[in-house]
Amino acid sequence: LVSLREHLPLFAKGRLESDSVRWNPPYARDEDRPPFPAPAPQWDLLFAGTVNPARAPERHAFLTELQSSFSGLHITSEGFVSVYPRARLILNECTHGELNFRVFEALGCGGCLLTPDIGPALTDFFTDGHELFLYPPRDVSFLLRLTRELLENDARRLAVAKAGLAAVDAGHRASHRAAALDGWLRSLLAENNASV
């Protein structure tokens, strides 16, 4: 199982046959859900994750530039389940342009997500402006405009958050990935005339 779709060819060209390698995308845990009642928002824009200039210098530079232009950005390394519901908007930033767990976790907790447009791995699952909002990677100017527009339109922001949660609930939780893996393993066993 390979978490990043763009890494599939690296494994398929090795010792494994291509039908022995499968993309297993990130997901939200089944228990990570919006709290009820929802807490009052504390932050306009939240980034929860590691911001270490030695490990992720581009992320650090991007968030530093963004924070210098937008005082409503809150950065924390606290556990995402406890902080996501307290933000009006959740920011994702991909260290290597990958589809990361933060996308699914933020949506699974009922957040309105702003995430970089990394292409098909993301857009095969979600639609810009419907379940989440996309911005060109590390484009601070675009992100600032988008953030300000959404903070002035609560109805749109909340509708997109609701649609994002519905999409995760419909097919992107741990139980969905487990069911897909079970189906794949059963098909491999059936092909080899094995019994379950």
N, C-alpha and C. Protein backbone atom coordinates (compact mmCIF):
# COMPACT_ATOMS: atom_id res chain seq x y z
N LEU A 1 0.85 -1.18 0.00
CA LEU A 1 0.00 0.00 0.00
C LEU A 1 0.88 1.23 0.00
N VAL A 2 0.55 2.18 -0.87
CA VAL A 2 1.33 3.40 -1.03
C VAL A 2 0.42 4.59 -0.75
N SER A 3 0.84 5.46 0.16
CA SER A 3 0.01 6.59 0.56
C SER A 3 -0.04 7.69 -0.49
N LEU A 4 1.05 7.93 -1.21
CA LEU A 4 1.11 8.99 -2.20
C LEU A 4 1.00 8.41 -3.60
N ARG A 5 -0.02 8.84 -4.34
CA ARG A 5 -0.27 8.25 -5.65
C ARG A 5 0.91 8.43 -6.60
N GLU A 6 1.59 9.57 -6.50
CA GLU A 6 2.72 9.82 -7.39
C GLU A 6 3.89 8.88 -7.12
N HIS A 7 3.87 8.16 -6.00
CA HIS A 7 4.94 7.20 -5.70
C HIS A 7 4.66 5.80 -6.24
N LEU A 8 3.47 5.55 -6.76
CA LEU A 8 3.15 4.21 -7.27
C LEU A 8 4.18 3.70 -8.28
N PRO A 9 4.57 4.51 -9.27
CA PRO A 9 5.55 3.99 -10.24
C PRO A 9 6.88 3.60 -9.62
N LEU A 10 7.26 4.25 -8.54
CA LEU A 10 8.52 3.90 -7.89
C LEU A 10 8.50 2.48 -7.35
N PHE A 11 7.34 2.05 -6.86
CA PHE A 11 7.20 0.70 -6.33
C PHE A 11 6.95 -0.30 -7.45
N ALA A 12 6.15 0.08 -8.43
CA ALA A 12 5.82 -0.83 -9.52
C ALA A 12 7.04 -1.16 -10.38
N LYS A 13 8.02 -0.26 -10.42
CA LYS A 13 9.23 -0.50 -11.21
C LYS A 13 10.25 -1.31 -10.43
N GLY A 14 9.98 -1.59 -9.19
CA GLY A 14 10.91 -2.35 -8.37
C GLY A 14 10.66 -3.84 -8.47
N ARG A 15 10.65 -4.48 -7.35
CA ARG A 15 10.49 -5.94 -7.32
C ARG A 15 9.03 -6.38 -7.38
N LEU A 16 8.12 -5.45 -7.22
CA LEU A 16 6.70 -5.81 -7.16
C LEU A 16 6.04 -5.67 -8.52
N GLU A 17 5.10 -6.57 -8.81
CA GLU A 17 4.29 -6.44 -10.00
C GLU A 17 3.34 -5.27 -9.81
N SER A 18 2.94 -4.62 -10.89
CA SER A 18 2.08 -3.43 -10.77
C SER A 18 0.75 -3.74 -10.11
N ASP A 19 0.23 -4.98 -10.28
CA ASP A 19 -1.05 -5.32 -9.65
C ASP A 19 -0.88 -5.69 -8.17
N SER A 20 0.35 -5.65 -7.69
CA SER A 20 0.61 -5.90 -6.27
C SER A 20 0.81 -4.61 -5.49
N VAL A 21 0.70 -3.49 -6.17
CA VAL A 21 0.88 -2.18 -5.55
C VAL A 21 -0.44 -1.44 -5.66
N ARG A 22 -0.87 -0.86 -4.57
CA ARG A 22 -2.16 -0.17 -4.56
C ARG A 22 -2.05 1.16 -3.83
N TRP A 23 -2.71 2.17 -4.40
CA TRP A 23 -2.79 3.47 -3.75
C TRP A 23 -3.78 3.40 -2.60
N ASN A 24 -3.35 3.79 -1.44
CA ASN A 24 -4.21 3.84 -0.26
C ASN A 24 -4.20 5.29 0.24
N PRO A 25 -5.13 6.11 -0.28
CA PRO A 25 -5.09 7.54 0.04
C PRO A 25 -5.28 7.80 1.54
N PRO A 26 -4.86 8.98 1.98
CA PRO A 26 -5.14 9.38 3.37
C PRO A 26 -6.64 9.40 3.63
N TYR A 27 -7.01 9.59 4.88
CA TYR A 27 -8.41 9.53 5.29
C TYR A 27 -8.56 10.23 6.63
N ALA A 28 -9.81 10.40 7.03
CA ALA A 28 -10.12 10.88 8.39
C ALA A 28 -10.47 9.67 9.24
N ARG A 29 -10.09 9.71 10.48
CA ARG A 29 -10.48 8.62 11.38
C ARG A 29 -11.99 8.66 11.58
N ASP A 30 -12.59 7.52 11.80
CA ASP A 30 -14.04 7.46 11.97
C ASP A 30 -14.52 8.30 13.15
N GLU A 31 -13.71 8.38 14.19
CA GLU A 31 -14.14 9.09 15.41
C GLU A 31 -13.89 10.60 15.37
N ASP A 32 -13.18 11.09 14.36
CA ASP A 32 -12.91 12.52 14.26
C ASP A 32 -14.06 13.21 13.55
N ARG A 33 -14.91 13.86 14.35
CA ARG A 33 -16.13 14.48 13.82
C ARG A 33 -16.32 15.84 14.47
N PRO A 34 -17.18 16.66 13.87
CA PRO A 34 -17.44 17.97 14.49
C PRO A 34 -18.08 17.81 15.86
N PRO A 35 -17.67 18.59 16.83
CA PRO A 35 -18.29 18.50 18.16
C PRO A 35 -19.69 19.10 18.14
N PHE A 36 -20.49 18.62 19.05
CA PHE A 36 -21.84 19.19 19.21
C PHE A 36 -22.05 19.50 20.68
N PRO A 37 -22.42 20.71 21.01
CA PRO A 37 -22.59 21.85 20.09
C PRO A 37 -21.25 22.38 19.61
N ALA A 38 -21.27 23.05 18.47
CA ALA A 38 -20.04 23.61 17.90
C ALA A 38 -19.54 24.75 18.77
N PRO A 39 -18.24 24.80 19.03
CA PRO A 39 -17.70 25.91 19.83
C PRO A 39 -17.72 27.21 19.02
N ALA A 40 -17.68 28.32 19.71
CA ALA A 40 -17.59 29.62 19.04
C ALA A 40 -16.22 29.73 18.37
N PRO A 41 -16.16 30.26 17.16
CA PRO A 41 -14.87 30.41 16.48
C PRO A 41 -13.92 31.33 17.25
N GLN A 42 -12.66 30.93 17.34
CA GLN A 42 -11.63 31.73 18.01
C GLN A 42 -10.69 32.40 17.01
N TRP A 43 -10.52 31.75 15.85
CA TRP A 43 -9.53 32.24 14.88
C TRP A 43 -10.18 32.34 13.50
N ASP A 44 -9.73 33.31 12.75
CA ASP A 44 -10.21 33.44 11.37
C ASP A 44 -9.60 32.37 10.47
N LEU A 45 -8.30 32.14 10.61
CA LEU A 45 -7.57 31.19 9.77
C LEU A 45 -6.61 30.42 10.65
N LEU A 46 -6.63 29.10 10.53
CA LEU A 46 -5.83 28.24 11.40
C LEU A 46 -4.95 27.31 10.58
N PHE A 47 -3.70 27.22 10.97
CA PHE A 47 -2.82 26.16 10.46
C PHE A 47 -2.38 25.33 11.65
N ALA A 48 -2.67 24.04 11.62
CA ALA A 48 -2.24 23.12 12.68
C ALA A 48 -1.27 22.12 12.08
N GLY A 49 -0.03 22.18 12.54
CA GLY A 49 0.97 21.27 12.02
C GLY A 49 2.36 21.74 12.39
N THR A 50 3.33 21.08 11.84
CA THR A 50 4.73 21.38 12.13
C THR A 50 5.22 22.52 11.26
N VAL A 51 5.80 23.50 11.91
CA VAL A 51 6.40 24.64 11.20
C VAL A 51 7.84 24.76 11.68
N ASN A 52 8.67 23.89 11.16
CA ASN A 52 10.07 23.83 11.56
C ASN A 52 10.93 24.30 10.39
N PRO A 53 11.62 25.44 10.51
CA PRO A 53 12.39 25.94 9.37
C PRO A 53 13.48 24.99 8.89
N ALA A 54 13.98 24.13 9.76
CA ALA A 54 15.01 23.17 9.35
C ALA A 54 14.41 22.02 8.55
N ARG A 55 13.21 21.57 8.94
CA ARG A 55 12.58 20.43 8.26
C ARG A 55 11.73 20.84 7.07
N ALA A 56 11.10 22.01 7.15
CA ALA A 56 10.20 22.46 6.09
C ALA A 56 10.42 23.96 5.84
N PRO A 57 11.57 24.33 5.27
CA PRO A 57 11.88 25.75 5.11
C PRO A 57 10.87 26.50 4.23
N GLU A 58 10.35 25.86 3.18
CA GLU A 58 9.40 26.55 2.30
C GLU A 58 8.07 26.79 3.01
N ARG A 59 7.63 25.82 3.79
CA ARG A 59 6.40 26.01 4.57
C ARG A 59 6.60 27.15 5.57
N HIS A 60 7.71 27.12 6.26
CA HIS A 60 7.99 28.16 7.26
C HIS A 60 7.98 29.54 6.62
N ALA A 61 8.64 29.68 5.46
CA ALA A 61 8.69 30.97 4.78
C ALA A 61 7.30 31.41 4.32
N PHE A 62 6.53 30.48 3.78
CA PHE A 62 5.18 30.77 3.32
C PHE A 62 4.29 31.25 4.47
N LEU A 63 4.29 30.53 5.58
CA LEU A 63 3.44 30.89 6.71
C LEU A 63 3.91 32.19 7.37
N THR A 64 5.21 32.41 7.40
CA THR A 64 5.74 33.67 7.95
C THR A 64 5.28 34.86 7.12
N GLU A 65 5.36 34.72 5.80
CA GLU A 65 4.91 35.79 4.91
C GLU A 65 3.40 36.02 5.06
N LEU A 66 2.65 34.93 5.12
CA LEU A 66 1.20 35.05 5.26
C LEU A 66 0.84 35.72 6.58
N GLN A 67 1.48 35.31 7.65
CA GLN A 67 1.17 35.88 8.97
C GLN A 67 1.55 37.36 9.05
N SER A 68 2.57 37.77 8.33
CA SER A 68 2.95 39.18 8.35
C SER A 68 1.92 40.05 7.63
N SER A 69 1.12 39.43 6.76
CA SER A 69 0.09 40.17 6.01
C SER A 69 -1.32 39.98 6.57
N PHE A 70 -1.48 38.95 7.40
CA PHE A 70 -2.82 38.63 7.91
C PHE A 70 -2.72 38.24 9.38
N SER A 71 -3.09 39.16 10.25
CA SER A 71 -2.94 38.95 11.69
C SER A 71 -3.92 37.90 12.22
N GLY A 72 -4.94 37.55 11.42
CA GLY A 72 -5.93 36.57 11.87
C GLY A 72 -5.49 35.13 11.72
N LEU A 73 -4.24 34.90 11.27
CA LEU A 73 -3.72 33.55 11.14
C LEU A 73 -3.20 33.06 12.48
N HIS A 74 -3.69 31.90 12.92
CA HIS A 74 -3.20 31.27 14.14
C HIS A 74 -2.48 29.99 13.75
N ILE A 75 -1.25 29.82 14.22
CA ILE A 75 -0.45 28.64 13.92
C ILE A 75 -0.23 27.88 15.21
N THR A 76 -0.48 26.58 15.16
CA THR A 76 -0.33 25.75 16.36
C THR A 76 0.11 24.34 15.96
N SER A 77 0.70 23.65 16.91
CA SER A 77 1.01 22.23 16.71
C SER A 77 0.11 21.37 17.60
N GLU A 78 -0.91 21.99 18.18
CA GLU A 78 -1.88 21.25 19.00
C GLU A 78 -2.59 20.19 18.17
N GLY A 79 -3.15 19.19 18.82
CA GLY A 79 -3.90 18.16 18.14
C GLY A 79 -5.05 18.75 17.34
N PHE A 80 -5.19 18.30 16.10
CA PHE A 80 -6.13 18.91 15.19
C PHE A 80 -7.58 18.79 15.64
N VAL A 81 -7.96 17.71 16.27
CA VAL A 81 -9.36 17.53 16.65
C VAL A 81 -9.80 18.61 17.62
N SER A 82 -8.90 19.05 18.47
CA SER A 82 -9.27 20.05 19.47
C SER A 82 -9.29 21.47 18.90
N VAL A 83 -8.57 21.72 17.81
CA VAL A 83 -8.49 23.09 17.30
C VAL A 83 -9.30 23.35 16.03
N TYR A 84 -9.45 22.37 15.16
CA TYR A 84 -10.16 22.61 13.90
C TYR A 84 -11.56 23.20 14.10
N PRO A 85 -12.36 22.69 15.02
CA PRO A 85 -13.71 23.24 15.17
C PRO A 85 -13.74 24.68 15.68
N ARG A 86 -12.61 25.21 16.11
CA ARG A 86 -12.57 26.57 16.66
C ARG A 86 -12.09 27.59 15.64
N ALA A 87 -11.99 27.19 14.36
CA ALA A 87 -11.52 28.09 13.31
C ALA A 87 -12.60 28.31 12.27
N ARG A 88 -12.68 29.54 11.77
CA ARG A 88 -13.60 29.83 10.67
C ARG A 88 -13.10 29.18 9.38
N LEU A 89 -11.78 29.23 9.17
CA LEU A 89 -11.15 28.64 7.99
C LEU A 89 -9.93 27.86 8.44
N ILE A 90 -9.69 26.73 7.78
CA ILE A 90 -8.52 25.90 8.08
C ILE A 90 -7.60 25.93 6.86
N LEU A 91 -6.34 26.15 7.12
CA LEU A 91 -5.33 26.23 6.06
C LEU A 91 -4.54 24.93 6.00
N ASN A 92 -4.40 24.42 4.80
CA ASN A 92 -3.50 23.30 4.58
C ASN A 92 -2.33 23.80 3.74
N GLU A 93 -1.16 23.25 4.00
CA GLU A 93 0.02 23.54 3.21
C GLU A 93 0.76 22.23 3.08
N CYS A 94 1.06 21.84 1.85
CA CYS A 94 1.72 20.56 1.58
C CYS A 94 3.22 20.77 1.45
N THR A 95 3.96 20.07 2.24
CA THR A 95 5.41 20.23 2.22
C THR A 95 6.00 19.86 0.87
N HIS A 96 5.49 18.78 0.27
CA HIS A 96 6.05 18.29 -1.00
C HIS A 96 4.99 18.21 -2.09
N GLY A 97 3.94 18.99 -1.99
CA GLY A 97 2.89 18.96 -3.01
C GLY A 97 2.08 17.69 -3.00
N GLU A 98 1.96 17.07 -1.84
CA GLU A 98 1.28 15.78 -1.72
C GLU A 98 -0.14 15.95 -1.18
N LEU A 99 -0.96 14.94 -1.42
CA LEU A 99 -2.28 14.88 -0.81
C LEU A 99 -2.08 14.34 0.60
N ASN A 100 -2.19 15.22 1.59
CA ASN A 100 -1.85 14.82 2.94
C ASN A 100 -3.10 14.55 3.80
N PHE A 101 -2.87 14.01 4.97
CA PHE A 101 -3.96 13.68 5.88
C PHE A 101 -4.75 14.91 6.33
N ARG A 102 -4.08 16.07 6.38
CA ARG A 102 -4.74 17.27 6.86
C ARG A 102 -6.01 17.59 6.06
N VAL A 103 -6.01 17.30 4.75
CA VAL A 103 -7.20 17.54 3.92
C VAL A 103 -8.39 16.80 4.49
N PHE A 104 -8.22 15.52 4.74
CA PHE A 104 -9.32 14.67 5.20
C PHE A 104 -9.69 14.95 6.65
N GLU A 105 -8.68 15.21 7.47
CA GLU A 105 -8.93 15.50 8.88
C GLU A 105 -9.72 16.79 9.05
N ALA A 106 -9.32 17.83 8.33
CA ALA A 106 -10.01 19.12 8.44
C ALA A 106 -11.46 19.00 7.99
N LEU A 107 -11.67 18.37 6.85
CA LEU A 107 -13.04 18.19 6.35
C LEU A 107 -13.84 17.26 7.27
N GLY A 108 -13.21 16.22 7.77
CA GLY A 108 -13.89 15.27 8.65
C GLY A 108 -14.30 15.86 9.98
N CYS A 109 -13.62 16.95 10.37
CA CYS A 109 -13.98 17.65 11.60
C CYS A 109 -14.95 18.80 11.32
N GLY A 110 -15.42 18.89 10.07
CA GLY A 110 -16.42 19.90 9.72
C GLY A 110 -15.86 21.26 9.39
N GLY A 111 -14.56 21.33 9.07
CA GLY A 111 -13.95 22.62 8.79
C GLY A 111 -14.08 23.05 7.34
N CYS A 112 -13.97 24.34 7.13
CA CYS A 112 -13.91 24.91 5.79
C CYS A 112 -12.43 25.01 5.43
N LEU A 113 -12.02 24.24 4.44
CA LEU A 113 -10.59 24.06 4.15
C LEU A 113 -10.13 24.86 2.95
N LEU A 114 -8.97 25.51 3.11
CA LEU A 114 -8.24 26.14 2.02
C LEU A 114 -6.97 25.32 1.83
N THR A 115 -6.80 24.75 0.64
CA THR A 115 -5.68 23.84 0.42
C THR A 115 -5.06 24.11 -0.94
N PRO A 116 -3.74 23.88 -1.09
CA PRO A 116 -3.12 24.13 -2.39
C PRO A 116 -3.66 23.19 -3.46
N ASP A 117 -3.73 23.69 -4.67
CA ASP A 117 -4.16 22.88 -5.81
C ASP A 117 -2.98 22.03 -6.24
N ILE A 118 -3.02 20.76 -5.87
CA ILE A 118 -1.93 19.85 -6.19
C ILE A 118 -2.28 18.95 -7.37
N GLY A 119 -3.45 19.15 -7.97
CA GLY A 119 -3.81 18.39 -9.15
C GLY A 119 -4.70 17.21 -8.88
N PRO A 120 -4.63 16.21 -9.79
CA PRO A 120 -5.62 15.13 -9.80
C PRO A 120 -5.76 14.32 -8.52
N ALA A 121 -4.70 14.08 -7.78
CA ALA A 121 -4.86 13.28 -6.56
C ALA A 121 -5.89 13.91 -5.63
N LEU A 122 -5.99 15.22 -5.65
CA LEU A 122 -6.95 15.95 -4.82
C LEU A 122 -8.28 16.16 -5.55
N THR A 123 -8.20 16.64 -6.79
CA THR A 123 -9.42 17.00 -7.51
C THR A 123 -10.21 15.79 -8.02
N ASP A 124 -9.63 14.61 -7.96
CA ASP A 124 -10.42 13.40 -8.23
C ASP A 124 -11.42 13.15 -7.11
N PHE A 125 -11.16 13.67 -5.92
CA PHE A 125 -12.01 13.46 -4.76
C PHE A 125 -12.92 14.64 -4.44
N PHE A 126 -12.38 15.86 -4.59
CA PHE A 126 -13.10 17.05 -4.15
C PHE A 126 -13.11 18.12 -5.24
N THR A 127 -14.15 18.95 -5.21
CA THR A 127 -14.32 20.01 -6.20
C THR A 127 -14.11 21.38 -5.55
N ASP A 128 -13.28 22.17 -6.19
CA ASP A 128 -13.00 23.52 -5.71
C ASP A 128 -14.30 24.33 -5.65
N GLY A 129 -14.51 24.97 -4.50
CA GLY A 129 -15.70 25.80 -4.32
C GLY A 129 -16.94 25.03 -3.93
N HIS A 130 -16.82 23.70 -3.88
CA HIS A 130 -17.97 22.88 -3.45
C HIS A 130 -17.71 22.20 -2.12
N GLU A 131 -16.60 21.46 -2.01
CA GLU A 131 -16.26 20.80 -0.73
C GLU A 131 -15.09 21.45 -0.02
N LEU A 132 -14.33 22.26 -0.75
CA LEU A 132 -13.16 22.95 -0.22
C LEU A 132 -12.80 24.06 -1.19
N PHE A 133 -11.76 24.81 -0.84
CA PHE A 133 -11.28 25.88 -1.71
C PHE A 133 -9.81 25.66 -2.02
N LEU A 134 -9.46 25.84 -3.30
CA LEU A 134 -8.08 25.65 -3.74
C LEU A 134 -7.39 26.99 -3.96
N TYR A 135 -6.09 26.99 -3.71
CA TYR A 135 -5.27 28.16 -4.03
C TYR A 135 -3.98 27.67 -4.69
N PRO A 136 -3.39 28.49 -5.58
CA PRO A 136 -2.12 28.08 -6.17
C PRO A 136 -1.08 27.91 -5.07
N PRO A 137 -0.30 26.84 -5.11
CA PRO A 137 0.66 26.57 -4.03
C PRO A 137 1.53 27.78 -3.69
N ARG A 138 1.53 28.10 -2.41
CA ARG A 138 2.35 29.16 -1.81
C ARG A 138 2.12 30.54 -2.41
N ASP A 139 0.93 30.76 -2.97
CA ASP A 139 0.58 32.07 -3.52
C ASP A 139 -0.13 32.88 -2.43
N VAL A 140 0.65 33.68 -1.71
CA VAL A 140 0.12 34.42 -0.57
C VAL A 140 -0.94 35.43 -0.99
N SER A 141 -0.72 36.12 -2.09
CA SER A 141 -1.69 37.14 -2.54
C SER A 141 -3.05 36.53 -2.84
N PHE A 142 -3.05 35.43 -3.57
CA PHE A 142 -4.30 34.74 -3.89
C PHE A 142 -4.99 34.27 -2.62
N LEU A 143 -4.21 33.67 -1.74
CA LEU A 143 -4.76 33.13 -0.49
C LEU A 143 -5.36 34.24 0.38
N LEU A 144 -4.71 35.38 0.43
CA LEU A 144 -5.24 36.50 1.21
C LEU A 144 -6.58 36.97 0.65
N ARG A 145 -6.68 37.11 -0.68
CA ARG A 145 -7.95 37.52 -1.29
C ARG A 145 -9.04 36.51 -0.99
N LEU A 146 -8.73 35.22 -1.16
CA LEU A 146 -9.71 34.17 -0.91
C LEU A 146 -10.16 34.17 0.55
N THR A 147 -9.22 34.28 1.46
CA THR A 147 -9.53 34.29 2.89
C THR A 147 -10.47 35.45 3.24
N ARG A 148 -10.15 36.62 2.75
CA ARG A 148 -10.98 37.79 3.06
C ARG A 148 -12.38 37.66 2.47
N GLU A 149 -12.48 37.13 1.25
CA GLU A 149 -13.79 36.92 0.63
C GLU A 149 -14.64 35.96 1.46
N LEU A 150 -14.03 34.89 1.90
CA LEU A 150 -14.79 33.87 2.64
C LEU A 150 -15.17 34.35 4.05
N LEU A 151 -14.32 35.14 4.66
CA LEU A 151 -14.66 35.66 5.98
C LEU A 151 -15.83 36.65 5.92
N GLU A 152 -16.08 37.19 4.75
CA GLU A 152 -17.21 38.10 4.57
C GLU A 152 -18.47 37.39 4.10
N ASN A 153 -18.38 36.07 3.89
CA ASN A 153 -19.52 35.32 3.39
C ASN A 153 -19.70 34.04 4.21
N ASP A 154 -20.31 34.19 5.38
CA ASP A 154 -20.50 33.04 6.28
C ASP A 154 -21.31 31.93 5.64
N ALA A 155 -22.35 32.29 4.89
CA ALA A 155 -23.22 31.28 4.29
C ALA A 155 -22.44 30.38 3.34
N ARG A 156 -21.61 30.98 2.50
CA ARG A 156 -20.82 30.18 1.55
C ARG A 156 -19.81 29.31 2.28
N ARG A 157 -19.14 29.91 3.24
CA ARG A 157 -18.13 29.18 4.01
C ARG A 157 -18.75 27.97 4.71
N LEU A 158 -19.89 28.16 5.34
CA LEU A 158 -20.54 27.07 6.08
C LEU A 158 -21.10 26.01 5.14
N ALA A 159 -21.61 26.42 3.98
CA ALA A 159 -22.15 25.46 3.01
C ALA A 159 -21.04 24.56 2.47
N VAL A 160 -19.88 25.14 2.19
CA VAL A 160 -18.76 24.35 1.67
C VAL A 160 -18.22 23.42 2.76
N ALA A 161 -18.16 23.89 3.99
CA ALA A 161 -17.74 23.02 5.10
C ALA A 161 -18.68 21.84 5.24
N LYS A 162 -19.97 22.08 5.13
CA LYS A 162 -20.97 21.01 5.24
C LYS A 162 -20.81 19.99 4.11
N ALA A 163 -20.58 20.48 2.89
CA ALA A 163 -20.39 19.58 1.75
C ALA A 163 -19.10 18.78 1.89
N GLY A 164 -18.04 19.42 2.42
CA GLY A 164 -16.78 18.71 2.63
C GLY A 164 -16.93 17.59 3.64
N LEU A 165 -17.63 17.87 4.73
CA LEU A 165 -17.89 16.83 5.73
C LEU A 165 -18.70 15.70 5.13
N ALA A 166 -19.71 16.02 4.34
CA ALA A 166 -20.54 14.98 3.71
C ALA A 166 -19.71 14.11 2.77
N ALA A 167 -18.77 14.72 2.04
CA ALA A 167 -17.92 13.94 1.13
C ALA A 167 -17.03 12.98 1.90
N VAL A 168 -16.46 13.45 3.01
CA VAL A 168 -15.62 12.56 3.83
C VAL A 168 -16.45 11.45 4.45
N ASP A 169 -17.62 11.80 4.96
CA ASP A 169 -18.49 10.78 5.56
C ASP A 169 -18.93 9.74 4.53
N ALA A 170 -19.05 10.15 3.27
CA ALA A 170 -19.51 9.24 2.22
C ALA A 170 -18.43 8.31 1.69
N GLY A 171 -17.14 8.67 1.87
CA GLY A 171 -16.16 7.79 1.27
C GLY A 171 -14.71 7.94 1.68
N HIS A 172 -14.42 8.73 2.71
CA HIS A 172 -13.01 8.99 3.02
C HIS A 172 -12.69 8.90 4.50
N ARG A 173 -13.27 7.92 5.16
CA ARG A 173 -12.93 7.65 6.55
C ARG A 173 -12.16 6.33 6.62
N ALA A 174 -11.60 6.04 7.79
CA ALA A 174 -10.80 4.82 7.96
C ALA A 174 -11.60 3.58 7.57
N SER A 175 -12.88 3.55 7.91
CA SER A 175 -13.70 2.38 7.58
C SER A 175 -13.83 2.19 6.08
N HIS A 176 -13.87 3.29 5.31
CA HIS A 176 -13.94 3.17 3.85
C HIS A 176 -12.64 2.60 3.29
N ARG A 177 -11.51 3.07 3.81
CA ARG A 177 -10.23 2.55 3.32
C ARG A 177 -10.08 1.07 3.69
N ALA A 178 -10.54 0.70 4.89
CA ALA A 178 -10.47 -0.70 5.31
C ALA A 178 -11.33 -1.58 4.42
N ALA A 179 -12.52 -1.11 4.08
CA ALA A 179 -13.41 -1.88 3.20
C ALA A 179 -12.80 -2.04 1.81
N ALA A 180 -12.17 -0.98 1.30
CA ALA A 180 -11.53 -1.06 -0.01
C ALA A 180 -10.36 -2.05 0.02
N LEU A 181 -9.58 -2.02 1.09
CA LEU A 181 -8.46 -2.95 1.22
C LEU A 181 -8.97 -4.38 1.31
N ASP A 182 -10.02 -4.59 2.09
CA ASP A 182 -10.61 -5.93 2.20
C ASP A 182 -11.07 -6.44 0.83
N GLY A 183 -11.73 -5.57 0.07
CA GLY A 183 -12.19 -5.97 -1.25
C GLY A 183 -11.04 -6.31 -2.18
N TRP A 184 -9.97 -5.53 -2.12
CA TRP A 184 -8.82 -5.79 -2.97
C TRP A 184 -8.16 -7.12 -2.60
N LEU A 185 -7.97 -7.36 -1.29
CA LEU A 185 -7.35 -8.61 -0.86
C LEU A 185 -8.20 -9.81 -1.24
N ARG A 186 -9.51 -9.68 -1.10
CA ARG A 186 -10.40 -10.79 -1.49
C ARG A 186 -10.32 -11.05 -2.99
N SER A 187 -10.20 -9.99 -3.78
CA SER A 187 -10.10 -10.20 -5.23
C SER A 187 -8.78 -10.88 -5.59
N LEU A 188 -7.69 -10.53 -4.89
CA LEU A 188 -6.41 -11.20 -5.13
C LEU A 188 -6.49 -12.68 -4.76
N LEU A 189 -7.15 -12.97 -3.63
CA LEU A 189 -7.30 -14.37 -3.22
C LEU A 189 -8.15 -15.15 -4.23
N ALA A 190 -9.21 -14.51 -4.69
CA ALA A 190 -10.08 -15.18 -5.67
C ALA A 190 -9.33 -15.46 -6.97
N GLU A 191 -8.51 -14.51 -7.39
CA GLU A 191 -7.73 -14.71 -8.61
C GLU A 191 -6.76 -15.86 -8.47
N ASN A 192 -6.28 -16.08 -7.29
CA ASN A 192 -5.33 -17.17 -7.04
C ASN A 192 -6.01 -18.44 -6.55
N ASN A 193 -7.35 -18.51 -6.75
CA ASN A 193 -8.13 -19.68 -6.33
C ASN A 193 -7.93 -20.05 -4.88
N ALA A 194 -7.79 -19.00 -4.06
CA ALA A 194 -7.64 -19.25 -2.62
C ALA A 194 -8.98 -18.97 -1.94
N SER A 195 -9.15 -19.51 -0.78
CA SER A 195 -10.38 -19.25 -0.04
C SER A 195 -10.08 -18.27 1.10
N VAL A 196 -11.14 -17.54 1.50
CA VAL A 196 -10.98 -16.57 2.56
C VAL A 196 -11.13 -17.27 3.90
